[in-house]
């Protein structure tokens, strides 16, 4: 945690410096956005469909299938979408960043940047963290839309729930506060994924095996960090809503 905090501070300080590269930021953004949007939509649509099937399977015993419309949209937006999107980005983008920086460390490209007078944190780390912090909220909203579409598709076509009730439920339950909460979580999770990926990548020392280990550590640490931070944020934000 101390190393991550130190890296976060160095990256924040490096943003306005001459070593910060907008080209690297744009390249990282392409990996976070177009490179990850397809898998996120597919996974989140499947998660939404499964949640609807399980929810209706329980509620139909009480004749309360319509209550699904009160439960799923806000839960998906506030909790499922930010966490699952961040986990998908950690698995796809975070491992890529860790492997890329690890390969650069092994190939002494990081040392070459220092010889040229460029700060590796400003040139390599800050752009990747910034791209994740900016685009993770957008990917979260796309993932939430896919999950809600999957859930309500099941509700409409498999269980015959009225589409009109679904759209009125969306307008009622997806509030600015829920979108704000989802955005806050997504920014924090994106920062965590970026920090972990860059920290593990830059710490590689033992060649090709170390690059693979860095990618693996990134996924494991991101899962643990996102789960823990999500629990804390959910408790704090729920208390704030009360």
C-alpha atoms as a PDB file:
ATOM      1  CA  UNK A   1       0.000   0.000   0.000  1.00  0.00           C
ATOM      2  CA  UNK A   2       2.876   2.328   0.728  1.00  0.00           C
ATOM      3  CA  UNK A   3       4.422   1.673  -2.679  1.00  0.00           C
ATOM      4  CA  UNK A   4       1.074   2.258  -4.412  1.00  0.00           C
ATOM      5  CA  UNK A   5       0.539   5.518  -2.520  1.00  0.00           C
ATOM      6  CA  UNK A   6       4.036   6.685  -3.462  1.00  0.00           C
ATOM      7  CA  UNK A   7       3.475   5.768  -7.118  1.00  0.00           C
ATOM      8  CA  UNK A   8       0.098   7.550  -7.106  1.00  0.00           C
ATOM      9  CA  UNK A   9       1.723  10.683  -5.699  1.00  0.00           C
ATOM     10  CA  UNK A  10       4.514  10.620  -8.262  1.00  0.00           C
ATOM     11  CA  UNK A  11       2.004  10.113 -11.087  1.00  0.00           C
ATOM     12  CA  UNK A  12      -0.168  12.994  -9.896  1.00  0.00           C
ATOM     13  CA  UNK A  13       2.830  15.319  -9.644  1.00  0.00           C
ATOM     14  CA  UNK A  14       4.048  14.203 -13.089  1.00  0.00           C
ATOM     15  CA  UNK A  15       0.836  15.095 -14.976  1.00  0.00           C
ATOM     16  CA  UNK A  16       1.691  18.775 -15.652  1.00  0.00           C
ATOM     17  CA  UNK A  17       5.360  18.116 -16.446  1.00  0.00           C
ATOM     18  CA  UNK A  18       7.016  18.067 -19.849  1.00  0.00           C
ATOM     19  CA  UNK A  19       7.664  14.324 -19.596  1.00  0.00           C
ATOM     20  CA  UNK A  20       3.925  13.553 -19.596  1.00  0.00           C
ATOM     21  CA  UNK A  21       2.937  12.183 -23.005  1.00  0.00           C
ATOM     22  CA  UNK A  22      -0.503  12.718 -24.511  1.00  0.00           C
ATOM     23  CA  UNK A  23       0.441  10.234 -27.234  1.00  0.00           C
ATOM     24  CA  UNK A  24       0.965   7.520 -24.626  1.00  0.00           C
ATOM     25  CA  UNK A  25      -2.322   8.521 -23.001  1.00  0.00           C
ATOM     26  CA  UNK A  26      -4.180   8.167 -26.298  1.00  0.00           C
ATOM     27  CA  UNK A  27      -2.576   4.795 -26.942  1.00  0.00           C
ATOM     28  CA  UNK A  28      -3.550   3.592 -23.480  1.00  0.00           C
ATOM     29  CA  UNK A  29      -7.079   4.919 -23.982  1.00  0.00           C
ATOM     30  CA  UNK A  30      -7.481   2.838 -27.136  1.00  0.00           C
ATOM     31  CA  UNK A  31      -6.676  -0.275 -25.101  1.00  0.00           C
ATOM     32  CA  UNK A  32      -9.150   0.675 -22.367  1.00  0.00           C
ATOM     33  CA  UNK A  33     -11.970   1.787 -24.666  1.00  0.00           C
ATOM     34  CA  UNK A  34     -12.278   0.108 -28.078  1.00  0.00           C
ATOM     35  CA  UNK A  35     -10.110  -2.793 -26.986  1.00  0.00           C
ATOM     36  CA  UNK A  36     -12.283  -3.747 -24.007  1.00  0.00           C
ATOM     37  CA  UNK A  37     -15.817  -2.641 -24.847  1.00  0.00           C
ATOM     38  CA  UNK A  38     -16.819  -5.850 -26.661  1.00  0.00           C
ATOM     39  CA  UNK A  39     -15.978  -8.274 -23.830  1.00  0.00           C
ATOM     40  CA  UNK A  40     -17.536  -5.935 -21.257  1.00  0.00           C
ATOM     41  CA  UNK A  41     -20.833  -5.786 -23.160  1.00  0.00           C
ATOM     42  CA  UNK A  42     -20.907  -9.566 -23.595  1.00  0.00           C
ATOM     43  CA  UNK A  43     -20.112 -10.353 -19.955  1.00  0.00           C
ATOM     44  CA  UNK A  44     -22.425  -7.727 -18.485  1.00  0.00           C
ATOM     45  CA  UNK A  45     -25.349  -8.756 -20.713  1.00  0.00           C
ATOM     46  CA  UNK A  46     -24.875 -12.343 -19.533  1.00  0.00           C
ATOM     47  CA  UNK A  47     -24.676 -11.247 -15.881  1.00  0.00           C
ATOM     48  CA  UNK A  48     -27.868  -9.205 -16.233  1.00  0.00           C
ATOM     49  CA  UNK A  49     -29.678 -12.121 -17.847  1.00  0.00           C
ATOM     50  CA  UNK A  50     -28.580 -14.529 -15.106  1.00  0.00           C
ATOM     51  CA  UNK A  51     -29.598 -12.054 -12.390  1.00  0.00           C
ATOM     52  CA  UNK A  52     -33.056 -11.716 -13.950  1.00  0.00           C
ATOM     53  CA  UNK A  53     -33.521 -15.473 -14.258  1.00  0.00           C
ATOM     54  CA  UNK A  54     -32.458 -16.071 -10.660  1.00  0.00           C
ATOM     55  CA  UNK A  55     -34.478 -13.137  -9.336  1.00  0.00           C
ATOM     56  CA  UNK A  56     -37.676 -14.028 -11.112  1.00  0.00           C
ATOM     57  CA  UNK A  57     -37.163 -17.680 -10.157  1.00  0.00           C
ATOM     58  CA  UNK A  58     -37.340 -16.662  -6.491  1.00  0.00           C
ATOM     59  CA  UNK A  59     -39.978 -13.928  -6.757  1.00  0.00           C
ATOM     60  CA  UNK A  60     -42.473 -15.982  -8.761  1.00  0.00           C
ATOM     61  CA  UNK A  61     -43.053 -18.200  -5.728  1.00  0.00           C
ATOM     62  CA  UNK A  62     -44.569 -15.146  -4.052  1.00  0.00           C
ATOM     63  CA  UNK A  63     -46.335 -13.808  -7.149  1.00  0.00           C
ATOM     64  CA  UNK A  64     -44.066 -10.767  -7.055  1.00  0.00           C
ATOM     65  CA  UNK A  65     -42.176 -10.942 -10.340  1.00  0.00           C
ATOM     66  CA  UNK A  66     -42.837  -7.243 -10.874  1.00  0.00           C
ATOM     67  CA  UNK A  67     -40.579  -6.460  -7.903  1.00  0.00           C
ATOM     68  CA  UNK A  68     -37.619  -7.381 -10.088  1.00  0.00           C
ATOM     69  CA  UNK A  69     -38.028  -3.978 -11.713  1.00  0.00           C
ATOM     70  CA  UNK A  70     -37.520  -2.337  -8.326  1.00  0.00           C
ATOM     71  CA  UNK A  71     -34.404  -4.333  -7.478  1.00  0.00           C
ATOM     72  CA  UNK A  72     -32.196  -4.791 -10.498  1.00  0.00           C
ATOM     73  CA  UNK A  73     -31.614  -1.406 -12.197  1.00  0.00           C
ATOM     74  CA  UNK A  74     -30.274   0.443  -9.160  1.00  0.00           C
ATOM     75  CA  UNK A  75     -28.305  -2.577  -7.923  1.00  0.00           C
ATOM     76  CA  UNK A  76     -26.689  -3.037 -11.318  1.00  0.00           C
ATOM     77  CA  UNK A  77     -25.767   0.625 -11.676  1.00  0.00           C
ATOM     78  CA  UNK A  78     -24.521   1.169  -8.113  1.00  0.00           C
ATOM     79  CA  UNK A  79     -22.740  -2.127  -7.455  1.00  0.00           C
ATOM     80  CA  UNK A  80     -22.517  -4.761 -10.198  1.00  0.00           C
ATOM     81  CA  UNK A  81     -21.465  -2.563 -13.106  1.00  0.00           C
ATOM     82  CA  UNK A  82     -18.545  -0.659 -11.493  1.00  0.00           C
ATOM     83  CA  UNK A  83     -17.038  -3.747  -9.848  1.00  0.00           C
ATOM     84  CA  UNK A  84     -17.473  -6.185 -12.738  1.00  0.00           C
ATOM     85  CA  UNK A  85     -16.309  -3.657 -15.330  1.00  0.00           C
ATOM     86  CA  UNK A  86     -13.188  -2.928 -13.287  1.00  0.00           C
ATOM     87  CA  UNK A  87     -12.484  -6.653 -12.930  1.00  0.00           C
ATOM     88  CA  UNK A  88     -12.819  -7.100 -16.694  1.00  0.00           C
ATOM     89  CA  UNK A  89     -10.456  -4.194 -17.292  1.00  0.00           C
ATOM     90  CA  UNK A  90      -7.987  -5.653 -14.796  1.00  0.00           C
ATOM     91  CA  UNK A  91      -8.065  -9.001 -16.584  1.00  0.00           C
ATOM     92  CA  UNK A  92      -7.698  -7.571 -20.082  1.00  0.00           C
ATOM     93  CA  UNK A  93      -6.126  -4.118 -19.863  1.00  0.00           C
ATOM     94  CA  UNK A  94      -4.284  -4.352 -16.534  1.00  0.00           C
ATOM     95  CA  UNK A  95      -2.442  -7.510 -17.497  1.00  0.00           C
ATOM     96  CA  UNK A  96      -1.522  -5.928 -20.815  1.00  0.00           C
ATOM     97  CA  UNK A  97      -0.121  -2.826 -19.130  1.00  0.00           C
ATOM     98  CA  UNK A  98       1.795  -4.914 -16.586  1.00  0.00           C
ATOM     99  CA  UNK A  99       3.265  -7.151 -19.290  1.00  0.00           C
ATOM    100  CA  UNK A 100       4.160  -4.188 -21.496  1.00  0.00           C
ATOM    101  CA  UNK A 101       5.942  -2.293 -18.731  1.00  0.00           C
ATOM    102  CA  UNK A 102       7.585  -5.485 -17.512  1.00  0.00           C
ATOM    103  CA  UNK A 103       8.960  -6.172 -20.981  1.00  0.00           C
ATOM    104  CA  UNK A 104      10.229  -2.599 -21.170  1.00  0.00           C
ATOM    105  CA  UNK A 105      11.920  -3.002 -17.801  1.00  0.00           C
ATOM    106  CA  UNK A 106      13.588  -6.264 -18.861  1.00  0.00           C
ATOM    107  CA  UNK A 107      14.626  -4.730 -22.186  1.00  0.00           C
ATOM    108  CA  UNK A 108      16.124  -1.736 -20.335  1.00  0.00           C
ATOM    109  CA  UNK A 109      13.845   0.676 -22.192  1.00  0.00           C
ATOM    110  CA  UNK A 110      12.812   2.229 -18.871  1.00  0.00           C
ATOM    111  CA  UNK A 111      16.478   2.918 -18.110  1.00  0.00           C
ATOM    112  CA  UNK A 112      16.889   4.450 -21.554  1.00  0.00           C
ATOM    113  CA  UNK A 113      14.089   6.907 -20.815  1.00  0.00           C
ATOM    114  CA  UNK A 114      15.930   8.035 -17.689  1.00  0.00           C
ATOM    115  CA  UNK A 115      19.133   8.454 -19.704  1.00  0.00           C
ATOM    116  CA  UNK A 116      17.201  10.666 -22.136  1.00  0.00           C
ATOM    117  CA  UNK A 117      16.030  12.815 -19.222  1.00  0.00           C
ATOM    118  CA  UNK A 118      12.423  11.560 -19.230  1.00  0.00           C
ATOM    119  CA  UNK A 119      10.681  10.523 -16.035  1.00  0.00           C
ATOM    120  CA  UNK A 120       9.356   6.947 -16.562  1.00  0.00           C
ATOM    121  CA  UNK A 121       6.471   7.610 -14.178  1.00  0.00           C
ATOM    122  CA  UNK A 122       5.409  10.682 -16.151  1.00  0.00           C
ATOM    123  CA  UNK A 123       5.941   9.077 -19.545  1.00  0.00           C
ATOM    124  CA  UNK A 124       4.670   5.543 -18.896  1.00  0.00           C
ATOM    125  CA  UNK A 125       2.683   5.335 -15.661  1.00  0.00           C
ATOM    126  CA  UNK A 126       0.669   8.562 -15.494  1.00  0.00           C
ATOM    127  CA  UNK A 127      -0.839   8.166 -19.006  1.00  0.00           C
ATOM    128  CA  UNK A 128      -2.050   4.635 -18.253  1.00  0.00           C
ATOM    129  CA  UNK A 129      -3.552   5.556 -14.891  1.00  0.00           C
ATOM    130  CA  UNK A 130      -5.215   8.639 -16.376  1.00  0.00           C
ATOM    131  CA  UNK A 131      -6.690   6.633 -19.263  1.00  0.00           C
ATOM    132  CA  UNK A 132      -8.163   4.083 -16.847  1.00  0.00           C
ATOM    133  CA  UNK A 133      -9.552   6.737 -14.508  1.00  0.00           C
ATOM    134  CA  UNK A 134     -11.229   8.615 -17.361  1.00  0.00           C
ATOM    135  CA  UNK A 135     -12.564   5.660 -19.353  1.00  0.00           C
ATOM    136  CA  UNK A 136     -13.550   3.211 -16.609  1.00  0.00           C
ATOM    137  CA  UNK A 137     -16.677   5.296 -15.792  1.00  0.00           C
ATOM    138  CA  UNK A 138     -17.660   5.260 -19.466  1.00  0.00           C
ATOM    139  CA  UNK A 139     -17.094   1.514 -19.692  1.00  0.00           C
ATOM    140  CA  UNK A 140     -19.127   1.141 -16.491  1.00  0.00           C
ATOM    141  CA  UNK A 141     -22.101   2.954 -18.002  1.00  0.00           C
ATOM    142  CA  UNK A 142     -21.870   0.836 -21.144  1.00  0.00           C
ATOM    143  CA  UNK A 143     -21.645  -2.310 -19.017  1.00  0.00           C
ATOM    144  CA  UNK A 144     -24.606  -1.219 -16.887  1.00  0.00           C
ATOM    145  CA  UNK A 145     -26.683  -0.587 -20.007  1.00  0.00           C
ATOM    146  CA  UNK A 146     -25.769  -4.030 -21.357  1.00  0.00           C
ATOM    147  CA  UNK A 147     -26.643  -5.720 -18.032  1.00  0.00           C
ATOM    148  CA  UNK A 148     -29.988  -3.927 -17.774  1.00  0.00           C
ATOM    149  CA  UNK A 149     -30.769  -4.760 -21.400  1.00  0.00           C
ATOM    150  CA  UNK A 150     -29.965  -8.428 -20.766  1.00  0.00           C
ATOM    151  CA  UNK A 151     -32.065  -8.517 -17.585  1.00  0.00           C
ATOM    152  CA  UNK A 152     -35.060  -6.794 -19.076  1.00  0.00           C
ATOM    153  CA  UNK A 153     -34.792  -8.801 -22.287  1.00  0.00           C
ATOM    154  CA  UNK A 154     -35.242 -11.946 -20.215  1.00  0.00           C
ATOM    155  CA  UNK A 155     -38.036 -10.310 -18.212  1.00  0.00           C
ATOM    156  CA  UNK A 156     -39.938  -9.283 -21.335  1.00  0.00           C
ATOM    157  CA  UNK A 157     -39.438 -12.208 -23.700  1.00  0.00           C
ATOM    158  CA  UNK A 158     -39.147 -15.112 -21.262  1.00  0.00           C
ATOM    159  CA  UNK A 159     -41.503 -14.039 -18.477  1.00  0.00           C
ATOM    160  CA  UNK A 160     -43.849 -11.595 -20.204  1.00  0.00           C
ATOM    161  CA  UNK A 161     -43.287  -8.512 -18.048  1.00  0.00           C
ATOM    162  CA  UNK A 162     -44.764  -5.366 -19.567  1.00  0.00           C
ATOM    163  CA  UNK A 163     -42.214  -3.187 -21.391  1.00  0.00           C
ATOM    164  CA  UNK A 164     -44.000  -0.025 -20.264  1.00  0.00           C
ATOM    165  CA  UNK A 165     -43.467  -0.876 -16.615  1.00  0.00           C
ATOM    166  CA  UNK A 166     -39.809  -1.558 -17.309  1.00  0.00           C
ATOM    167  CA  UNK A 167     -39.143   1.828 -18.886  1.00  0.00           C
ATOM    168  CA  UNK A 168     -41.043   3.699 -16.177  1.00  0.00           C
ATOM    169  CA  UNK A 169     -38.998   1.770 -13.598  1.00  0.00           C
ATOM    170  CA  UNK A 170     -35.768   2.838 -15.295  1.00  0.00           C
ATOM    171  CA  UNK A 171     -36.797   6.493 -15.262  1.00  0.00           C
ATOM    172  CA  UNK A 172     -37.668   6.225 -11.569  1.00  0.00           C
ATOM    173  CA  UNK A 173     -34.736   4.180 -10.263  1.00  0.00           C
ATOM    174  CA  UNK A 174     -31.738   5.398 -12.292  1.00  0.00           C
ATOM    175  CA  UNK A 175     -31.235   8.669 -10.445  1.00  0.00           C
ATOM    176  CA  UNK A 176     -28.397  11.216 -10.576  1.00  0.00           C
ATOM    177  CA  UNK A 177     -27.207   9.977  -7.180  1.00  0.00           C
ATOM    178  CA  UNK A 178     -26.910   6.387  -8.408  1.00  0.00           C
ATOM    179  CA  UNK A 179     -25.000   7.526 -11.497  1.00  0.00           C
ATOM    180  CA  UNK A 180     -22.730   9.687  -9.333  1.00  0.00           C
ATOM    181  CA  UNK A 181     -22.046   6.770  -7.003  1.00  0.00           C
ATOM    182  CA  UNK A 182     -21.260   4.477  -9.930  1.00  0.00           C
ATOM    183  CA  UNK A 183     -18.932   7.079 -11.456  1.00  0.00           C
ATOM    184  CA  UNK A 184     -17.079   7.592  -8.172  1.00  0.00           C
ATOM    185  CA  UNK A 185     -16.546   3.870  -7.738  1.00  0.00           C
ATOM    186  CA  UNK A 186     -15.431   3.484 -11.350  1.00  0.00           C
ATOM    187  CA  UNK A 187     -12.836   6.260 -11.023  1.00  0.00           C
ATOM    188  CA  UNK A 188     -11.415   4.701  -7.857  1.00  0.00           C
ATOM    189  CA  UNK A 189     -11.374   1.201  -9.354  1.00  0.00           C
ATOM    190  CA  UNK A 190      -9.747   2.462 -12.551  1.00  0.00           C
ATOM    191  CA  UNK A 191      -7.034   4.161 -10.510  1.00  0.00           C
ATOM    192  CA  UNK A 192      -6.451   0.946  -8.519  1.00  0.00           C
ATOM    193  CA  UNK A 193      -6.132  -1.175 -11.660  1.00  0.00           C
ATOM    194  CA  UNK A 194      -3.719   1.311 -13.223  1.00  0.00           C
ATOM    195  CA  UNK A 195      -1.573   1.589 -10.108  1.00  0.00           C
ATOM    196  CA  UNK A 196      -1.368  -2.164  -9.584  1.00  0.00           C
ATOM    197  CA  UNK A 197      -0.585  -2.858 -13.244  1.00  0.00           C
ATOM    198  CA  UNK A 198       2.144  -0.224 -13.424  1.00  0.00           C
ATOM    199  CA  UNK A 199       3.644  -1.113 -10.055  1.00  0.00           C
ATOM    200  CA  UNK A 200       3.870  -4.810 -10.946  1.00  0.00           C
ATOM    201  CA  UNK A 201       5.206  -4.058 -14.411  1.00  0.00           C
ATOM    202  CA  UNK A 202       7.953  -1.744 -13.241  1.00  0.00           C
ATOM    203  CA  UNK A 203       9.002  -4.147 -10.470  1.00  0.00           C
ATOM    204  CA  UNK A 204       9.911  -6.948 -12.926  1.00  0.00           C
ATOM    205  CA  UNK A 205      13.521  -8.027 -12.640  1.00  0.00           C
ATOM    206  CA  UNK A 206      13.755 -11.691 -13.639  1.00  0.00           C
ATOM    207  CA  UNK A 207      13.103 -11.761 -17.390  1.00  0.00           C
ATOM    208  CA  UNK A 208      10.242 -13.361 -19.303  1.00  0.00           C
ATOM    209  CA  UNK A 209       9.039 -15.356 -16.300  1.00  0.00           C
ATOM    210  CA  UNK A 210       8.836 -12.160 -14.286  1.00  0.00           C
ATOM    211  CA  UNK A 211       6.671 -10.535 -16.964  1.00  0.00           C
ATOM    212  CA  UNK A 212       4.174 -13.376 -16.719  1.00  0.00           C
ATOM    213  CA  UNK A 213       4.226 -13.247 -12.944  1.00  0.00           C
ATOM    214  CA  UNK A 214       3.598  -9.498 -13.022  1.00  0.00           C
ATOM    215  CA  UNK A 215       0.505  -9.959 -15.174  1.00  0.00           C
ATOM    216  CA  UNK A 216      -0.777 -12.700 -12.879  1.00  0.00           C
ATOM    217  CA  UNK A 217      -0.165 -10.637  -9.736  1.00  0.00           C
ATOM    218  CA  UNK A 218      -2.017  -7.725 -11.285  1.00  0.00           C
ATOM    219  CA  UNK A 219      -5.214  -9.748 -11.718  1.00  0.00           C
ATOM    220  CA  UNK A 220      -5.080 -11.322  -8.257  1.00  0.00           C
ATOM    221  CA  UNK A 221      -4.276  -8.065  -6.484  1.00  0.00           C
ATOM    222  CA  UNK A 222      -6.901  -6.160  -8.483  1.00  0.00           C
ATOM    223  CA  UNK A 223      -9.609  -8.669  -7.538  1.00  0.00           C
ATOM    224  CA  UNK A 224      -8.735  -8.378  -3.845  1.00  0.00           C
ATOM    225  CA  UNK A 225      -8.378  -4.585  -3.961  1.00  0.00           C
ATOM    226  CA  UNK A 226     -11.629  -4.002  -5.860  1.00  0.00           C
ATOM    227  CA  UNK A 227     -13.570  -6.351  -3.576  1.00  0.00           C
ATOM    228  CA  UNK A 228     -12.257  -4.691  -0.424  1.00  0.00           C
ATOM    229  CA  UNK A 229     -12.573  -1.100  -1.620  1.00  0.00           C
ATOM    230  CA  UNK A 230     -16.041  -1.800  -3.061  1.00  0.00           C
ATOM    231  CA  UNK A 231     -17.222  -3.040   0.333  1.00  0.00           C
ATOM    232  CA  UNK A 232     -15.863   0.071   2.064  1.00  0.00           C
ATOM    233  CA  UNK A 233     -17.260   2.505  -0.526  1.00  0.00           C
ATOM    234  CA  UNK A 234     -20.657   0.801  -0.537  1.00  0.00           C
ATOM    235  CA  UNK A 235     -20.884   1.051   3.256  1.00  0.00           C
ATOM    236  CA  UNK A 236     -19.804   4.697   3.275  1.00  0.00           C
ATOM    237  CA  UNK A 237     -22.095   5.741   0.417  1.00  0.00           C
ATOM    238  CA  UNK A 238     -25.031   3.812   1.845  1.00  0.00           C
ATOM    239  CA  UNK A 239     -24.513   5.599   5.145  1.00  0.00           C
ATOM    240  CA  UNK A 240     -24.410   8.910   3.293  1.00  0.00           C
ATOM    241  CA  UNK A 241     -27.724   8.107   1.556  1.00  0.00           C
ATOM    242  CA  UNK A 242     -29.336   7.399   4.926  1.00  0.00           C
END
